[in-house]
Amino acid sequence: MEIAVLDQAAPPSPSAPLRFTAAAAAKVRELVAEEGNASLSLRAYIQGGGCSGFQYGFEFDEGRNEDDIAIVTDGATLLVDPLSLQYLAGAEVDYSESLAGAQFVIRNPNAKTTCGCGSSFTV
């Protein structure tokens, strides 16, 4: 099975399963350059836990699984496994900097409730 790759260099498509913003892509490119490993991609995933039942996670990954969805924005790649994609369909992965700190964030229209820090949710 081949990895599905969606290129979001063009304006976002309503049919795209997930939006990977230019700000998030720029930060991924910066971090990948710092590591000196061009094969790294940002992986977004969902796991059980957190104060609301599910929580978001991010990690850098050198490998891609056969069933991963790869979303490419401005040369940076976001990987999402099919199980996580069920909870992230229609969401936006962004990078935010504020007085509270800087972090990758997920704006998820499927989340019924979220915790105060925004890292866990219920559906």
PDB file of N, CA and C in Angstrom:
ATOM      1  N   MET A   1       0.842  -1.172   0.000  1.00  0.00           N
ATOM      2  CA  MET A   1       0.000   0.000   0.000  1.00  0.00           C
ATOM      3  C   MET A   1       0.889   1.237   0.000  1.00  0.00           C
ATOM      4  N   GLU A   2       0.500   2.258  -0.747  1.00  0.00           N
ATOM      5  CA  GLU A   2       1.283   3.481  -0.814  1.00  0.00           C
ATOM      6  C   GLU A   2       0.805   4.492   0.206  1.00  0.00           C
ATOM      7  N   ILE A   3       1.702   5.354   0.602  1.00  0.00           N
ATOM      8  CA  ILE A   3       1.372   6.431   1.529  1.00  0.00           C
ATOM      9  C   ILE A   3       0.648   7.515   0.756  1.00  0.00           C
ATOM     10  N   ALA A   4      -0.470   7.960   1.279  1.00  0.00           N
ATOM     11  CA  ALA A   4      -1.185   9.072   0.652  1.00  0.00           C
ATOM     12  C   ALA A   4      -0.457  10.357   1.001  1.00  0.00           C
ATOM     13  N   VAL A   5      -0.161  11.158  -0.005  1.00  0.00           N
ATOM     14  CA  VAL A   5       0.522  12.428   0.213  1.00  0.00           C
ATOM     15  C   VAL A   5      -0.359  13.543  -0.324  1.00  0.00           C
ATOM     16  N   LEU A   6      -0.646  14.493   0.528  1.00  0.00           N
ATOM     17  CA  LEU A   6      -1.438  15.650   0.139  1.00  0.00           C
ATOM     18  C   LEU A   6      -0.535  16.863   0.182  1.00  0.00           C
ATOM     19  N   ASP A   7      -0.412  17.574  -0.934  1.00  0.00           N
ATOM     20  CA  ASP A   7       0.427  18.767  -0.987  1.00  0.00           C
ATOM     21  C   ASP A   7      -0.449  19.984  -0.777  1.00  0.00           C
ATOM     22  N   GLN A   8      -0.164  20.733   0.288  1.00  0.00           N
ATOM     23  CA  GLN A   8      -0.972  21.899   0.600  1.00  0.00           C
ATOM     24  C   GLN A   8      -0.256  23.192   0.240  1.00  0.00           C
ATOM     25  N   ALA A   9       0.569  23.171  -0.806  1.00  0.00           N
ATOM     26  CA  ALA A   9       1.219  24.400  -1.246  1.00  0.00           C
ATOM     27  C   ALA A   9       0.171  25.362  -1.797  1.00  0.00           C
ATOM     28  N   ALA A  10      -0.868  24.799  -2.381  1.00  0.00           N
ATOM     29  CA  ALA A  10      -1.986  25.603  -2.876  1.00  0.00           C
ATOM     30  C   ALA A  10      -2.898  25.943  -1.699  1.00  0.00           C
ATOM     31  N   PRO A  11      -3.869  26.830  -1.894  1.00  0.00           N
ATOM     32  CA  PRO A  11      -4.812  27.119  -0.811  1.00  0.00           C
ATOM     33  C   PRO A  11      -5.470  25.837  -0.321  1.00  0.00           C
ATOM     34  N   PRO A  12      -5.814  25.759   0.972  1.00  0.00           N
ATOM     35  CA  PRO A  12      -6.384  24.539   1.527  1.00  0.00           C
ATOM     36  C   PRO A  12      -7.646  24.112   0.795  1.00  0.00           C
ATOM     37  N   SER A  13      -7.760  22.842   0.604  1.00  0.00           N
ATOM     38  CA  SER A  13      -8.930  22.276  -0.065  1.00  0.00           C
ATOM     39  C   SER A  13      -9.932  21.807   0.974  1.00  0.00           C
ATOM     40  N   PRO A  14     -11.230  22.021   0.725  1.00  0.00           N
ATOM     41  CA  PRO A  14     -12.214  21.532   1.687  1.00  0.00           C
ATOM     42  C   PRO A  14     -12.216  20.011   1.798  1.00  0.00           C
ATOM     43  N   SER A  15     -11.650  19.317   0.791  1.00  0.00           N
ATOM     44  CA  SER A  15     -11.623  17.858   0.836  1.00  0.00           C
ATOM     45  C   SER A  15     -10.410  17.317   1.586  1.00  0.00           C
ATOM     46  N   ALA A  16      -9.453  18.181   1.950  1.00  0.00           N
ATOM     47  CA  ALA A  16      -8.280  17.729   2.699  1.00  0.00           C
ATOM     48  C   ALA A  16      -8.715  17.267   4.083  1.00  0.00           C
ATOM     49  N   PRO A  17      -8.187  16.132   4.553  1.00  0.00           N
ATOM     50  CA  PRO A  17      -8.631  15.605   5.842  1.00  0.00           C
ATOM     51  C   PRO A  17      -8.168  16.435   7.035  1.00  0.00           C
ATOM     52  N   LEU A  18      -7.128  17.225   6.834  1.00  0.00           N
ATOM     53  CA  LEU A  18      -6.486  17.932   7.937  1.00  0.00           C
ATOM     54  C   LEU A  18      -5.716  19.104   7.343  1.00  0.00           C
ATOM     55  N   ARG A  19      -5.687  20.237   8.034  1.00  0.00           N
ATOM     56  CA  ARG A  19      -4.941  21.402   7.545  1.00  0.00           C
ATOM     57  C   ARG A  19      -3.653  21.542   8.354  1.00  0.00           C
ATOM     58  N   PHE A  20      -2.543  21.675   7.660  1.00  0.00           N
ATOM     59  CA  PHE A  20      -1.213  21.855   8.232  1.00  0.00           C
ATOM     60  C   PHE A  20      -0.778  23.260   7.832  1.00  0.00           C
ATOM     61  N   THR A  21      -0.795  24.207   8.778  1.00  0.00           N
ATOM     62  CA  THR A  21      -0.604  25.618   8.447  1.00  0.00           C
ATOM     63  C   THR A  21       0.831  25.946   8.045  1.00  0.00           C
ATOM     64  N   ALA A  22       0.973  27.086   7.383  1.00  0.00           N
ATOM     65  CA  ALA A  22       2.298  27.564   6.981  1.00  0.00           C
ATOM     66  C   ALA A  22       3.172  27.840   8.202  1.00  0.00           C
ATOM     67  N   ALA A  23       2.577  28.350   9.287  1.00  0.00           N
ATOM     68  CA  ALA A  23       3.348  28.617  10.514  1.00  0.00           C
ATOM     69  C   ALA A  23       3.895  27.321  11.104  1.00  0.00           C
ATOM     70  N   ALA A  24       3.069  26.275  11.131  1.00  0.00           N
ATOM     71  CA  ALA A  24       3.523  24.981  11.646  1.00  0.00           C
ATOM     72  C   ALA A  24       4.600  24.399  10.737  1.00  0.00           C
ATOM     73  N   ALA A  25       4.400  24.505   9.430  1.00  0.00           N
ATOM     74  CA  ALA A  25       5.385  23.984   8.481  1.00  0.00           C
ATOM     75  C   ALA A  25       6.720  24.706   8.626  1.00  0.00           C
ATOM     76  N   ALA A  26       6.679  26.021   8.820  1.00  0.00           N
ATOM     77  CA  ALA A  26       7.917  26.792   8.985  1.00  0.00           C
ATOM     78  C   ALA A  26       8.677  26.335  10.226  1.00  0.00           C
ATOM     79  N   LYS A  27       7.958  26.078  11.315  1.00  0.00           N
ATOM     80  CA  LYS A  27       8.619  25.623  12.546  1.00  0.00           C
ATOM     81  C   LYS A  27       9.192  24.223  12.358  1.00  0.00           C
ATOM     82  N   VAL A  28       8.462  23.357  11.666  1.00  0.00           N
ATOM     83  CA  VAL A  28       8.974  22.013  11.393  1.00  0.00           C
ATOM     84  C   VAL A  28      10.260  22.109  10.574  1.00  0.00           C
ATOM     85  N   ARG A  29      10.255  22.920   9.523  1.00  0.00           N
ATOM     86  CA  ARG A  29      11.469  23.081   8.708  1.00  0.00           C
ATOM     87  C   ARG A  29      12.630  23.585   9.554  1.00  0.00           C
ATOM     88  N   GLU A  30      12.368  24.540  10.436  1.00  0.00           N
ATOM     89  CA  GLU A  30      13.411  25.086  11.315  1.00  0.00           C
ATOM     90  C   GLU A  30      13.985  24.000  12.227  1.00  0.00           C
ATOM     91  N   LEU A  31      13.119  23.219  12.849  1.00  0.00           N
ATOM     92  CA  LEU A  31      13.576  22.174  13.773  1.00  0.00           C
ATOM     93  C   LEU A  31      14.303  21.049  13.042  1.00  0.00           C
ATOM     94  N   VAL A  32      13.816  20.695  11.856  1.00  0.00           N
ATOM     95  CA  VAL A  32      14.480  19.662  11.055  1.00  0.00           C
ATOM     96  C   VAL A  32      15.878  20.142  10.654  1.00  0.00           C
ATOM     97  N   ALA A  33      15.996  21.405  10.275  1.00  0.00           N
ATOM     98  CA  ALA A  33      17.307  21.963   9.910  1.00  0.00           C
ATOM     99  C   ALA A  33      18.257  21.944  11.104  1.00  0.00           C
ATOM    100  N   GLU A  34      17.749  22.273  12.293  1.00  0.00           N
ATOM    101  CA  GLU A  34      18.584  22.237  13.502  1.00  0.00           C
ATOM    102  C   GLU A  34      19.105  20.832  13.778  1.00  0.00           C
ATOM    103  N   GLU A  35      18.267  19.827  13.520  1.00  0.00           N
ATOM    104  CA  GLU A  35      18.675  18.432  13.736  1.00  0.00           C
ATOM    105  C   GLU A  35      19.613  17.941  12.645  1.00  0.00           C
ATOM    106  N   GLY A  36      19.574  18.579  11.480  1.00  0.00           N
ATOM    107  CA  GLY A  36      20.422  18.155  10.371  1.00  0.00           C
ATOM    108  C   GLY A  36      19.998  16.832   9.771  1.00  0.00           C
ATOM    109  N   ASN A  37      18.707  16.510   9.870  1.00  0.00           N
ATOM    110  CA  ASN A  37      18.200  15.238   9.359  1.00  0.00           C
ATOM    111  C   ASN A  37      16.972  15.505   8.492  1.00  0.00           C
ATOM    112  N   ALA A  38      17.183  15.608   7.190  1.00  0.00           N
ATOM    113  CA  ALA A  38      16.109  15.968   6.262  1.00  0.00           C
ATOM    114  C   ALA A  38      15.011  14.915   6.159  1.00  0.00           C
ATOM    115  N   SER A  39      15.225  13.720   6.701  1.00  0.00           N
ATOM    116  CA  SER A  39      14.197  12.681   6.607  1.00  0.00           C
ATOM    117  C   SER A  39      13.167  12.767   7.735  1.00  0.00           C
ATOM    118  N   LEU A  40      13.321  13.730   8.643  1.00  0.00           N
ATOM    119  CA  LEU A  40      12.372  13.868   9.751  1.00  0.00           C
ATOM    120  C   LEU A  40      11.069  14.516   9.296  1.00  0.00           C
ATOM    121  N   SER A  41       9.968  14.006   9.830  1.00  0.00           N
ATOM    122  CA  SER A  41       8.633  14.572   9.635  1.00  0.00           C
ATOM    123  C   SER A  41       8.000  14.731  11.004  1.00  0.00           C
ATOM    124  N   LEU A  42       7.061  15.660  11.113  1.00  0.00           N
ATOM    125  CA  LEU A  42       6.305  15.807  12.353  1.00  0.00           C
ATOM    126  C   LEU A  42       5.142  14.827  12.322  1.00  0.00           C
ATOM    127  N   ARG A  43       4.995  14.046  13.379  1.00  0.00           N
ATOM    128  CA  ARG A  43       3.868  13.120  13.495  1.00  0.00           C
ATOM    129  C   ARG A  43       2.915  13.660  14.553  1.00  0.00           C
ATOM    130  N   ALA A  44       1.637  13.765  14.186  1.00  0.00           N
ATOM    131  CA  ALA A  44       0.579  14.125  15.135  1.00  0.00           C
ATOM    132  C   ALA A  44      -0.224  12.860  15.401  1.00  0.00           C
ATOM    133  N   TYR A  45      -0.556  12.628  16.667  1.00  0.00           N
ATOM    134  CA  TYR A  45      -1.297  11.416  16.999  1.00  0.00           C
ATOM    135  C   TYR A  45      -2.225  11.667  18.181  1.00  0.00           C
ATOM    136  N   ILE A  46      -3.147  10.753  18.359  1.00  0.00           N
ATOM    137  CA  ILE A  46      -4.096  10.773  19.469  1.00  0.00           C
ATOM    138  C   ILE A  46      -3.823   9.541  20.321  1.00  0.00           C
ATOM    139  N   GLN A  47      -3.847   9.729  21.634  1.00  0.00           N
ATOM    140  CA  GLN A  47      -3.718   8.587  22.541  1.00  0.00           C
ATOM    141  C   GLN A  47      -4.687   8.773  23.697  1.00  0.00           C
ATOM    142  N   GLY A  48      -5.016   7.681  24.344  1.00  0.00           N
ATOM    143  CA  GLY A  48      -5.876   7.751  25.514  1.00  0.00           C
ATOM    144  C   GLY A  48      -5.148   8.423  26.656  1.00  0.00           C
ATOM    145  N   GLY A  49      -5.894   9.194  27.450  1.00  0.00           N
ATOM    146  CA  GLY A  49      -5.286   9.843  28.609  1.00  0.00           C
ATOM    147  C   GLY A  49      -5.662  11.296  28.696  1.00  0.00           C
ATOM    148  N   GLY A  50      -4.971  11.994  29.557  1.00  0.00           N
ATOM    149  CA  GLY A  50      -5.288  13.402  29.772  1.00  0.00           C
ATOM    150  C   GLY A  50      -6.527  13.543  30.629  1.00  0.00           C
ATOM    151  N   CYS A  51      -6.859  14.757  30.989  1.00  0.00           N
ATOM    152  CA  CYS A  51      -7.990  14.976  31.892  1.00  0.00           C
ATOM    153  C   CYS A  51      -9.332  14.861  31.182  1.00  0.00           C
ATOM    154  N   SER A  52      -9.336  14.795  29.842  1.00  0.00           N
ATOM    155  CA  SER A  52     -10.602  14.730  29.114  1.00  0.00           C
ATOM    156  C   SER A  52     -10.814  13.424  28.362  1.00  0.00           C
ATOM    157  N   GLY A  53      -9.921  12.458  28.485  1.00  0.00           N
ATOM    158  CA  GLY A  53     -10.127  11.157  27.857  1.00  0.00           C
ATOM    159  C   GLY A  53      -9.164  10.836  26.731  1.00  0.00           C
ATOM    160  N   PHE A  54      -8.906  11.799  25.856  1.00  0.00           N
ATOM    161  CA  PHE A  54      -7.938  11.645  24.770  1.00  0.00           C
ATOM    162  C   PHE A  54      -6.952  12.795  24.862  1.00  0.00           C
ATOM    163  N   GLN A  55      -5.749  12.563  24.368  1.00  0.00           N
ATOM    164  CA  GLN A  55      -4.803  13.675  24.331  1.00  0.00           C
ATOM    165  C   GLN A  55      -4.029  13.663  23.026  1.00  0.00           C
ATOM    166  N   TYR A  56      -3.630  14.862  22.625  1.00  0.00           N
ATOM    167  CA  TYR A  56      -2.844  15.039  21.415  1.00  0.00           C
ATOM    168  C   TYR A  56      -1.379  14.792  21.728  1.00  0.00           C
ATOM    169  N   GLY A  57      -0.660  14.291  20.747  1.00  0.00           N
ATOM    170  CA  GLY A  57       0.774  14.127  20.887  1.00  0.00           C
ATOM    171  C   GLY A  57       1.474  14.490  19.593  1.00  0.00           C
ATOM    172  N   PHE A  58       2.704  14.936  19.720  1.00  0.00           N
ATOM    173  CA  PHE A  58       3.549  15.257  18.571  1.00  0.00           C
ATOM    174  C   PHE A  58       4.916  14.639  18.809  1.00  0.00           C
ATOM    175  N   GLU A  59       5.533  14.151  17.742  1.00  0.00           N
ATOM    176  CA  GLU A  59       6.911  13.688  17.804  1.00  0.00           C
ATOM    177  C   GLU A  59       7.508  13.764  16.404  1.00  0.00           C
ATOM    178  N   PHE A  60       8.816  13.825  16.347  1.00  0.00           N
ATOM    179  CA  PHE A  60       9.478  13.778  15.052  1.00  0.00           C
ATOM    180  C   PHE A  60       9.787  12.326  14.735  1.00  0.00           C
ATOM    181  N   ASP A  61       9.585  11.957  13.477  1.00  0.00           N
ATOM    182  CA  ASP A  61       9.688  10.568  13.053  1.00  0.00           C
ATOM    183  C   ASP A  61      10.468  10.501  11.742  1.00  0.00           C
ATOM    184  N   GLU A  62      11.415   9.558  11.680  1.00  0.00           N
ATOM    185  CA  GLU A  62      12.169   9.347  10.441  1.00  0.00           C
ATOM    186  C   GLU A  62      11.435   8.426   9.485  1.00  0.00           C
ATOM    187  N   GLY A  63      10.568   7.597  10.018  1.00  0.00           N
ATOM    188  CA  GLY A  63       9.912   6.602   9.188  1.00  0.00           C
ATOM    189  C   GLY A  63       8.463   6.929   8.909  1.00  0.00           C
ATOM    190  N   ARG A  64       7.958   6.303   7.878  1.00  0.00           N
ATOM    191  CA  ARG A  64       6.542   6.416   7.537  1.00  0.00           C
ATOM    192  C   ARG A  64       5.970   5.015   7.459  1.00  0.00           C
ATOM    193  N   ASN A  65       4.804   4.841   8.041  1.00  0.00           N
ATOM    194  CA  ASN A  65       4.106   3.566   7.941  1.00  0.00           C
ATOM    195  C   ASN A  65       3.326   3.529   6.634  1.00  0.00           C
ATOM    196  N   GLU A  66       3.051   2.329   6.146  1.00  0.00           N
ATOM    197  CA  GLU A  66       2.353   2.175   4.873  1.00  0.00           C
ATOM    198  C   GLU A  66       1.018   2.896   4.838  1.00  0.00           C
ATOM    199  N   ASP A  67       0.331   2.933   5.962  1.00  0.00           N
ATOM    200  CA  ASP A  67      -1.013   3.514   5.965  1.00  0.00           C
ATOM    201  C   ASP A  67      -1.059   4.956   6.475  1.00  0.00           C
ATOM    202  N   ASP A  68       0.098   5.574   6.694  1.00  0.00           N
ATOM    203  CA  ASP A  68       0.137   6.972   7.122  1.00  0.00           C
ATOM    204  C   ASP A  68      -0.412   7.896   6.043  1.00  0.00           C
ATOM    205  N   ILE A  69      -1.028   8.968   6.480  1.00  0.00           N
ATOM    206  CA  ILE A  69      -1.365  10.080   5.604  1.00  0.00           C
ATOM    207  C   ILE A  69      -0.245  11.097   5.788  1.00  0.00           C
ATOM    208  N   ALA A  70       0.342  11.550   4.700  1.00  0.00           N
ATOM    209  CA  ALA A  70       1.402  12.557   4.746  1.00  0.00           C
ATOM    210  C   ALA A  70       0.860  13.837   4.127  1.00  0.00           C
ATOM    211  N   ILE A  71       0.871  14.909   4.902  1.00  0.00           N
ATOM    212  CA  ILE A  71       0.400  16.205   4.425  1.00  0.00           C
ATOM    213  C   ILE A  71       1.614  17.114   4.319  1.00  0.00           C
ATOM    214  N   VAL A  72       1.866  17.617   3.122  1.00  0.00           N
ATOM    215  CA  VAL A  72       3.045  18.432   2.859  1.00  0.00           C
ATOM    216  C   VAL A  72       2.618  19.883   2.666  1.00  0.00           C
ATOM    217  N   THR A  73       3.212  20.769   3.452  1.00  0.00           N
ATOM    218  CA  THR A  73       2.989  22.207   3.318  1.00  0.00           C
ATOM    219  C   THR A  73       4.348  22.884   3.254  1.00  0.00           C
ATOM    220  N   ASP A  74       4.576  23.622   2.199  1.00  0.00           N
ATOM    221  CA  ASP A  74       5.822  24.387   2.039  1.00  0.00           C
ATOM    222  C   ASP A  74       7.067  23.538   2.298  1.00  0.00           C
ATOM    223  N   GLY A  75       7.047  22.292   1.861  1.00  0.00           N
ATOM    224  CA  GLY A  75       8.213  21.427   1.989  1.00  0.00           C
ATOM    225  C   GLY A  75       8.351  20.683   3.301  1.00  0.00           C
ATOM    226  N   ALA A  76       7.454  20.927   4.254  1.00  0.00           N
ATOM    227  CA  ALA A  76       7.478  20.207   5.538  1.00  0.00           C
ATOM    228  C   ALA A  76       6.367  19.160   5.524  1.00  0.00           C
ATOM    229  N   THR A  77       6.609  18.040   6.196  1.00  0.00           N
ATOM    230  CA  THR A  77       5.656  16.934   6.172  1.00  0.00           C
ATOM    231  C   THR A  77       5.078  16.662   7.550  1.00  0.00           C
ATOM    232  N   LEU A  78       3.752  16.512   7.580  1.00  0.00           N
ATOM    233  CA  LEU A  78       3.014  16.097   8.769  1.00  0.00           C
ATOM    234  C   LEU A  78       2.494  14.698   8.504  1.00  0.00           C
ATOM    235  N   LEU A  79       2.775  13.759   9.411  1.00  0.00           N
ATOM    236  CA  LEU A  79       2.290  12.385   9.296  1.00  0.00           C
ATOM    237  C   LEU A  79       1.174  12.150  10.303  1.00  0.00           C
ATOM    238  N   VAL A  80       0.143  11.416   9.870  1.00  0.00           N
ATOM    239  CA  VAL A  80      -0.965  11.056  10.751  1.00  0.00           C
ATOM    240  C   VAL A  80      -1.367   9.625  10.433  1.00  0.00           C
ATOM    241  N   ASP A  81      -1.495   8.801  11.464  1.00  0.00           N
ATOM    242  CA  ASP A  81      -1.939   7.427  11.261  1.00  0.00           C
ATOM    243  C   ASP A  81      -3.463   7.408  11.090  1.00  0.00           C
ATOM    244  N   PRO A  82      -4.007   6.374  10.452  1.00  0.00           N
ATOM    245  CA  PRO A  82      -5.447   6.340  10.171  1.00  0.00           C
ATOM    246  C   PRO A  82      -6.333   6.394  11.417  1.00  0.00           C
ATOM    247  N   LEU A  83      -5.932   5.763  12.508  1.00  0.00           N
ATOM    248  CA  LEU A  83      -6.740   5.790  13.725  1.00  0.00           C
ATOM    249  C   LEU A  83      -6.829   7.212  14.272  1.00  0.00           C
ATOM    250  N   SER A  84      -5.704   7.910  14.328  1.00  0.00           N
ATOM    251  CA  SER A  84      -5.705   9.296  14.807  1.00  0.00           C
ATOM    252  C   SER A  84      -6.488  10.199  13.864  1.00  0.00           C
ATOM    253  N   LEU A  85      -6.401   9.920  12.566  1.00  0.00           N
ATOM    254  CA  LEU A  85      -7.094  10.749  11.583  1.00  0.00           C
ATOM    255  C   LEU A  85      -8.606  10.735  11.806  1.00  0.00           C
ATOM    256  N   GLN A  86      -9.131   9.627  12.320  1.00  0.00           N
ATOM    257  CA  GLN A  86     -10.571   9.565  12.619  1.00  0.00           C
ATOM    258  C   GLN A  86     -10.979  10.668  13.585  1.00  0.00           C
ATOM    259  N   TYR A  87     -10.114  10.998  14.526  1.00  0.00           N
ATOM    260  CA  TYR A  87     -10.407  12.027  15.525  1.00  0.00           C
ATOM    261  C   TYR A  87      -9.969  13.420  15.068  1.00  0.00           C
ATOM    262  N   LEU A  88      -9.114  13.469  14.052  1.00  0.00           N
ATOM    263  CA  LEU A  88      -8.550  14.744  13.606  1.00  0.00           C
ATOM    264  C   LEU A  88      -9.134  15.254  12.291  1.00  0.00           C
ATOM    265  N   ALA A  89     -10.057  14.518  11.695  1.00  0.00           N
ATOM    266  CA  ALA A  89     -10.629  14.931  10.408  1.00  0.00           C
ATOM    267  C   ALA A  89     -11.195  16.343  10.514  1.00  0.00           C
ATOM    268  N   GLY A  90     -10.746  17.206   9.627  1.00  0.00           N
ATOM    269  CA  GLY A  90     -11.213  18.588   9.609  1.00  0.00           C
ATOM    270  C   GLY A  90     -10.462  19.517  10.542  1.00  0.00           C
ATOM    271  N   ALA A  91      -9.501  18.997  11.298  1.00  0.00           N
ATOM    272  CA  ALA A  91      -8.754  19.810  12.269  1.00  0.00           C
ATOM    273  C   ALA A  91      -7.638  20.596  11.580  1.00  0.00           C
ATOM    274  N   GLU A  92      -7.059  21.501  12.337  1.00  0.00           N
ATOM    275  CA  GLU A  92      -5.945  22.316  11.861  1.00  0.00           C
ATOM    276  C   GLU A  92      -4.771  22.142  12.817  1.00  0.00           C
ATOM    277  N   VAL A  93      -3.603  21.838  12.265  1.00  0.00           N
ATOM    278  CA  VAL A  93      -2.366  21.770  13.044  1.00  0.00           C
ATOM    279  C   VAL A  93      -1.618  23.069  12.782  1.00  0.00           C
ATOM    280  N   ASP A  94      -1.350  23.814  13.855  1.00  0.00           N
ATOM    281  CA  ASP A  94      -0.745  25.134  13.745  1.00  0.00           C
ATOM    282  C   ASP A  94       0.410  25.230  14.741  1.00  0.00           C
ATOM    283  N   TYR A  95       1.159  26.312  14.653  1.00  0.00           N
ATOM    284  CA  TYR A  95       2.210  26.604  15.620  1.00  0.00           C
ATOM    285  C   TYR A  95       1.904  27.965  16.205  1.00  0.00           C
ATOM    286  N   SER A  96       1.916  28.060  17.523  1.00  0.00           N
ATOM    287  CA  SER A  96       1.522  29.286  18.203  1.00  0.00           C
ATOM    288  C   SER A  96       2.613  29.726  19.167  1.00  0.00           C
ATOM    289  N   GLU A  97       2.902  31.023  19.151  1.00  0.00           N
ATOM    290  CA  GLU A  97       3.843  31.613  20.102  1.00  0.00           C
ATOM    291  C   GLU A  97       3.105  32.681  20.888  1.00  0.00           C
ATOM    292  N   SER A  98       3.212  32.618  22.221  1.00  0.00           N
ATOM    293  CA  SER A  98       2.567  33.612  23.080  1.00  0.00           C
ATOM    294  C   SER A  98       3.411  33.788  24.335  1.00  0.00           C
ATOM    295  N   LEU A  99       2.947  34.638  25.239  1.00  0.00           N
ATOM    296  CA  LEU A  99       3.656  34.828  26.505  1.00  0.00           C
ATOM    297  C   LEU A  99       3.705  33.538  27.313  1.00  0.00           C
ATOM    298  N   ALA A 100       2.712  32.675  27.123  1.00  0.00           N
ATOM    299  CA  ALA A 100       2.659  31.406  27.846  1.00  0.00           C
ATOM    300  C   ALA A 100       3.645  30.385  27.287  1.00  0.00           C
ATOM    301  N   GLY A 101       4.171  30.632  26.094  1.00  0.00           N
ATOM    302  CA  GLY A 101       5.113  29.699  25.496  1.00  0.00           C
ATOM    303  C   GLY A 101       4.814  29.479  24.028  1.00  0.00           C
ATOM    304  N   ALA A 102       5.571  28.612  23.420  1.00  0.00           N
ATOM    305  CA  ALA A 102       5.406  28.287  22.010  1.00  0.00           C
ATOM    306  C   ALA A 102       5.148  26.795  21.896  1.00  0.00           C
ATOM    307  N   GLN A 103       4.210  26.432  21.016  1.00  0.00           N
ATOM    308  CA  GLN A 103       3.877  25.016  20.874  1.00  0.00           C
ATOM    309  C   GLN A 103       3.088  24.763  19.599  1.00  0.00           C
ATOM    310  N   PHE A 104       3.131  23.504  19.159  1.00  0.00           N
ATOM    311  CA  PHE A 104       2.228  23.073  18.109  1.00  0.00           C
ATOM    312  C   PHE A 104       0.857  22.911  18.760  1.00  0.00           C
ATOM    313  N   VAL A 105      -0.186  23.339  18.054  1.00  0.00           N
ATOM    314  CA  VAL A 105      -1.544  23.243  18.584  1.00  0.00           C
ATOM    315  C   VAL A 105      -2.451  22.606  17.542  1.00  0.00           C
ATOM    316  N   ILE A 106      -3.496  21.957  18.037  1.00  0.00           N
ATOM    317  CA  ILE A 106      -4.506  21.372  17.160  1.00  0.00           C
ATOM    318  C   ILE A 106      -5.833  22.037  17.466  1.00  0.00           C
ATOM    319  N   ARG A 107      -6.438  22.597  16.436  1.00  0.00           N
ATOM    320  CA  ARG A 107      -7.792  23.148  16.547  1.00  0.00           C
ATOM    321  C   ARG A 107      -8.716  22.109  15.931  1.00  0.00           C
ATOM    322  N   ASN A 108      -9.451  21.426  16.789  1.00  0.00           N
ATOM    323  CA  ASN A 108     -10.208  20.250  16.376  1.00  0.00           C
ATOM    324  C   ASN A 108     -11.711  20.498  16.468  1.00  0.00           C
ATOM    325  N   PRO A 109     -12.406  20.562  15.336  1.00  0.00           N
ATOM    326  CA  PRO A 109     -13.852  20.782  15.371  1.00  0.00           C
ATOM    327  C   PRO A 109     -14.624  19.581  15.924  1.00  0.00           C
ATOM    328  N   ASN A 110     -13.971  18.430  16.038  1.00  0.00           N
ATOM    329  CA  ASN A 110     -14.627  17.223  16.553  1.00  0.00           C
ATOM    330  C   ASN A 110     -14.631  17.165  18.076  1.00  0.00           C
ATOM    331  N   ALA A 111     -13.818  17.994  18.720  1.00  0.00           N
ATOM    332  CA  ALA A 111     -13.703  17.966  20.184  1.00  0.00           C
ATOM    333  C   ALA A 111     -14.941  18.606  20.803  1.00  0.00           C
ATOM    334  N   LYS A 112     -15.615  17.844  21.638  1.00  0.00           N
ATOM    335  CA  LYS A 112     -16.803  18.365  22.337  1.00  0.00           C
ATOM    336  C   LYS A 112     -16.387  19.241  23.513  1.00  0.00           C
ATOM    337  N   THR A 113     -15.372  18.797  24.246  1.00  0.00           N
ATOM    338  CA  THR A 113     -14.814  19.586  25.346  1.00  0.00           C
ATOM    339  C   THR A 113     -13.298  19.451  25.300  1.00  0.00           C
ATOM    340  N   THR A 114     -12.603  20.449  25.805  1.00  0.00           N
ATOM    341  CA  THR A 114     -11.148  20.396  25.901  1.00  0.00           C
ATOM    342  C   THR A 114     -10.740  20.827  27.300  1.00  0.00           C
ATOM    343  N   CYS A 115      -9.552  20.434  27.695  1.00  0.00           N
ATOM    344  CA  CYS A 115      -9.050  20.862  29.000  1.00  0.00           C
ATOM    345  C   CYS A 115      -8.485  22.276  28.874  1.00  0.00           C
ATOM    346  N   GLY A 116      -8.136  22.865  29.976  1.00  0.00           N
ATOM    347  CA  GLY A 116      -7.636  24.231  29.984  1.00  0.00           C
ATOM    348  C   GLY A 116      -6.372  24.433  29.178  1.00  0.00           C
ATOM    349  N   CYS A 117      -5.506  23.429  29.134  1.00  0.00           N
ATOM    350  CA  CYS A 117      -4.250  23.589  28.398  1.00  0.00           C
ATOM    351  C   CYS A 117      -4.419  23.271  26.918  1.00  0.00           C
ATOM    352  N   GLY A 118      -5.549  22.676  26.546  1.00  0.00           N
ATOM    353  CA  GLY A 118      -5.808  22.382  25.143  1.00  0.00           C
ATOM    354  C   GLY A 118      -5.164  21.121  24.625  1.00  0.00           C
ATOM    355  N   SER A 119      -4.530  20.330  25.494  1.00  0.00           N
ATOM    356  CA  SER A 119      -3.855  19.132  25.000  1.00  0.00           C
ATOM    357  C   SER A 119      -4.691  17.866  25.136  1.00  0.00           C
ATOM    358  N   SER A 120      -5.849  17.944  25.800  1.00  0.00           N
ATOM    359  CA  SER A 120      -6.720  16.774  25.848  1.00  0.00           C
ATOM    360  C   SER A 120      -8.148  17.191  25.528  1.00  0.00           C
ATOM    361  N   PHE A 121      -8.952  16.191  25.119  1.00  0.00           N
ATOM    362  CA  PHE A 121     -10.293  16.490  24.631  1.00  0.00           C
ATOM    363  C   PHE A 121     -11.193  15.269  24.743  1.00  0.00           C
ATOM    364  N   THR A 122     -12.496  15.487  24.552  1.00  0.00           N
ATOM    365  CA  THR A 122     -13.468  14.401  24.428  1.00  0.00           C
ATOM    366  C   THR A 122     -14.194  14.577  23.106  1.00  0.00           C
ATOM    367  N   VAL A 123     -14.720  13.465  22.596  1.00  0.00           N
ATOM    368  CA  VAL A 123     -15.508  13.516  21.356  1.00  0.00           C
ATOM    369  C   VAL A 123     -16.914  13.017  21.608  1.00  0.00           C
TER     370      VAL A 123
END
